[in-house]
Amino acid sequence: MPDALHLIRLAHSNPERALDLPGGGLSVLHLSSGQDGGAAACWYVCLEGSLILDLPHGDFVQLRPGESYQAPAGQARRLTPVRGATVLMIEQCR
């Protein structure tokens, strides 16, 4: 049986850089400062802290632990943590 992964600890081990998880299409990221979120189709699942996804036209989504958001392909976004955030990212297409 494979060992369990503690996603929050794993993300904290390499902050500001997305770490790919086994199985493909999954990554975990801990942020303490904002960064570009790209424009690929992706689910964002907040694991800890609070994350603001700045979207086009002044729109935004704030995620708290346990909340998720599906960003469609072609929708640019900026990821902005509020005092730190850890997020699981699930790419919909590679």
Protein backbone atom coordinates (compact mmCIF):
# COMPACT_ATOMS: atom_id res chain seq x y z
CA MET A 1 0.00 0.00 0.00
CA PRO A 2 1.45 3.44 -0.89
CA ASP A 3 2.28 5.92 1.83
CA ALA A 4 -0.21 8.71 2.45
CA LEU A 5 0.78 12.24 1.43
CA HIS A 6 0.30 15.15 3.81
CA LEU A 7 -0.46 17.77 1.16
CA ILE A 8 -0.09 20.85 3.38
CA ARG A 9 3.30 19.73 4.75
CA LEU A 10 4.44 18.82 1.26
CA ALA A 11 3.48 22.26 -0.10
CA HIS A 12 5.21 24.01 2.81
CA SER A 13 8.43 22.12 2.04
CA ASN A 14 8.85 24.06 -1.22
CA PRO A 15 6.83 27.31 -0.94
CA GLU A 16 5.97 29.45 -3.97
CA ARG A 17 6.48 26.51 -6.37
CA ALA A 18 3.80 24.06 -7.45
CA LEU A 19 4.74 20.46 -6.71
CA ASP A 20 3.36 17.80 -9.04
CA LEU A 21 1.71 14.87 -7.29
CA PRO A 22 1.72 11.24 -8.42
CA GLY A 23 -1.01 10.31 -10.87
CA GLY A 24 -0.80 13.34 -13.17
CA GLY A 25 -2.83 16.51 -13.35
CA LEU A 26 -2.53 17.25 -9.62
CA SER A 27 -0.25 19.73 -7.90
CA VAL A 28 -0.08 21.43 -4.54
CA LEU A 29 1.17 24.96 -3.87
CA HIS A 30 1.82 27.10 -0.79
CA LEU A 31 1.82 30.84 -1.42
CA SER A 32 2.89 33.74 0.77
CA SER A 33 2.90 36.24 -2.10
CA GLY A 34 0.89 36.62 -5.30
CA GLN A 35 1.71 34.95 -8.59
CA ASP A 36 0.29 34.47 -12.07
CA GLY A 37 -2.20 31.60 -12.25
CA GLY A 38 -2.08 31.16 -16.03
CA ALA A 39 -5.14 30.54 -18.16
CA ALA A 40 -5.45 26.74 -18.34
CA ALA A 41 -8.63 25.00 -17.19
CA CYS A 42 -8.13 24.16 -13.52
CA TRP A 43 -9.92 23.42 -10.26
CA TYR A 44 -8.51 25.22 -7.20
CA VAL A 45 -9.20 23.63 -3.81
CA CYS A 46 -8.13 25.69 -0.77
CA LEU A 47 -6.54 23.46 1.88
CA GLU A 48 -5.49 26.13 4.40
CA GLY A 49 -5.47 29.91 4.70
CA SER A 50 -7.36 32.06 2.25
CA LEU A 51 -6.79 32.57 -1.47
CA ILE A 52 -8.11 35.30 -3.75
CA LEU A 53 -8.34 34.51 -7.45
CA ASP A 54 -8.25 37.83 -9.30
CA LEU A 55 -10.22 37.37 -12.52
CA PRO A 56 -10.72 39.56 -15.61
CA HIS A 57 -12.93 42.65 -15.53
CA GLY A 58 -12.40 43.29 -11.80
CA ASP A 59 -14.08 40.05 -10.71
CA PHE A 60 -12.59 37.88 -7.97
CA VAL A 61 -13.28 34.74 -5.96
CA GLN A 62 -12.13 34.23 -2.37
CA LEU A 63 -11.54 30.65 -1.25
CA ARG A 64 -11.35 29.49 2.35
CA PRO A 65 -10.37 25.99 3.52
CA GLY A 66 -12.61 23.36 1.96
CA GLU A 67 -13.87 25.67 -0.81
CA SER A 68 -13.11 25.24 -4.51
CA TYR A 69 -13.42 27.11 -7.79
CA GLN A 70 -13.38 25.86 -11.38
CA ALA A 71 -11.50 28.25 -13.67
CA PRO A 72 -12.32 27.67 -17.34
CA ALA A 73 -9.67 27.53 -20.06
CA GLY A 74 -8.76 30.96 -21.41
CA GLN A 75 -9.66 32.82 -18.20
CA ALA A 76 -6.52 34.58 -16.96
CA ARG A 77 -6.14 34.79 -13.19
CA ARG A 78 -3.77 35.93 -10.48
CA LEU A 79 -3.41 33.96 -7.24
CA THR A 80 -3.19 36.19 -4.17
CA PRO A 81 -2.91 34.62 -0.72
CA VAL A 82 -4.29 36.35 2.37
CA ARG A 83 -1.55 35.77 4.98
CA GLY A 84 -0.56 32.52 3.28
CA ALA A 85 -2.58 29.87 1.49
CA THR A 86 -2.13 26.26 0.46
CA VAL A 87 -4.07 25.10 -2.57
CA LEU A 88 -4.56 21.83 -4.45
CA MET A 89 -4.73 22.40 -8.21
CA ILE A 90 -6.43 19.89 -10.49
CA GLU A 91 -5.73 20.45 -14.17
CA GLN A 92 -8.59 19.47 -16.41
CA CYS A 93 -6.54 19.02 -19.58
CA ARG A 94 -2.83 18.58 -20.13
